[in-house]
Amino acid sequence: MNLDTLIIAIAIAFLIEGFFPAFFPNKWQAYVAKLAQESTTNIRNIGLFIMAIGAVILFVAI
């Protein structure tokens, strides 16, 4: 992996992260408010699950 690939990956992550607040601000705000009420254990489990999916995709892609 070179620096160009890393920059492209970060740019894609920014595009995905910015999509929902840009085009669905009301739904995104409601989601964030609901997320703020979740327990830290649930949030941690969701984060670990998302990381595991990313690791599997990365493993398959390489």
Protein backbone atom coordinates (compact mmCIF):
# COMPACT_ATOMS: atom_id res chain seq x y z
CA MET A 1 0.00 0.00 0.00
CA ASN A 2 1.34 3.40 -0.88
CA LEU A 3 0.47 6.89 0.30
CA ASP A 4 -1.91 7.50 -2.63
CA THR A 5 -4.02 4.49 -1.66
CA LEU A 6 -4.20 5.66 1.94
CA ILE A 7 -5.28 9.15 0.89
CA ILE A 8 -7.96 7.69 -1.40
CA ALA A 9 -9.25 5.48 1.44
CA ILE A 10 -9.44 8.44 3.83
CA ALA A 11 -11.21 10.54 1.18
CA ILE A 12 -13.81 7.80 0.63
CA ALA A 13 -14.35 7.53 4.40
CA PHE A 14 -14.96 11.30 4.56
CA LEU A 15 -17.42 11.09 1.66
CA ILE A 16 -19.38 8.31 3.32
CA GLU A 17 -19.34 9.99 6.74
CA GLY A 18 -20.55 13.30 5.29
CA PHE A 19 -23.31 11.88 3.11
CA PHE A 20 -26.04 11.42 5.73
CA PRO A 21 -25.65 14.70 7.62
CA ALA A 22 -25.53 16.57 4.29
CA PHE A 23 -28.57 14.99 2.65
CA PHE A 24 -30.64 13.82 5.65
CA PRO A 25 -29.87 16.28 8.46
CA ASN A 26 -33.08 15.72 10.44
CA LYS A 27 -32.79 11.93 10.43
CA TRP A 28 -29.07 12.14 11.22
CA GLN A 29 -29.74 14.47 14.17
CA ALA A 30 -32.41 12.10 15.52
CA TYR A 31 -30.01 9.17 15.14
CA VAL A 32 -27.24 10.97 17.02
CA ALA A 33 -29.68 11.91 19.81
CA LYS A 34 -30.78 8.28 20.08
CA LEU A 35 -27.15 7.12 20.06
CA ALA A 36 -26.35 9.50 22.92
CA GLN A 37 -28.89 7.64 25.06
CA GLU A 38 -27.35 4.20 24.42
CA SER A 39 -25.10 2.58 26.98
CA THR A 40 -21.37 2.64 26.40
CA THR A 41 -21.36 -1.16 26.25
CA ASN A 42 -23.78 -1.16 23.30
CA ILE A 43 -21.81 1.55 21.52
CA ARG A 44 -18.57 -0.37 22.09
CA ASN A 45 -20.13 -3.60 20.75
CA ILE A 46 -21.40 -1.81 17.65
CA GLY A 47 -17.94 -0.32 17.07
CA LEU A 48 -16.25 -3.69 17.47
CA PHE A 49 -18.73 -5.29 15.08
CA ILE A 50 -18.13 -2.61 12.45
CA MET A 51 -14.36 -3.00 12.88
CA ALA A 52 -14.68 -6.78 12.44
CA ILE A 53 -16.62 -6.30 9.21
CA GLY A 54 -13.93 -3.90 7.98
CA ALA A 55 -11.18 -6.35 8.88
CA VAL A 56 -12.93 -9.18 7.01
CA ILE A 57 -13.44 -6.98 3.93
CA LEU A 58 -9.80 -5.89 4.07
CA PHE A 59 -8.62 -9.49 4.45
CA VAL A 60 -10.70 -10.64 1.48
CA ALA A 61 -9.58 -7.68 -0.66
CA ILE A 62 -5.86 -8.24 -0.08
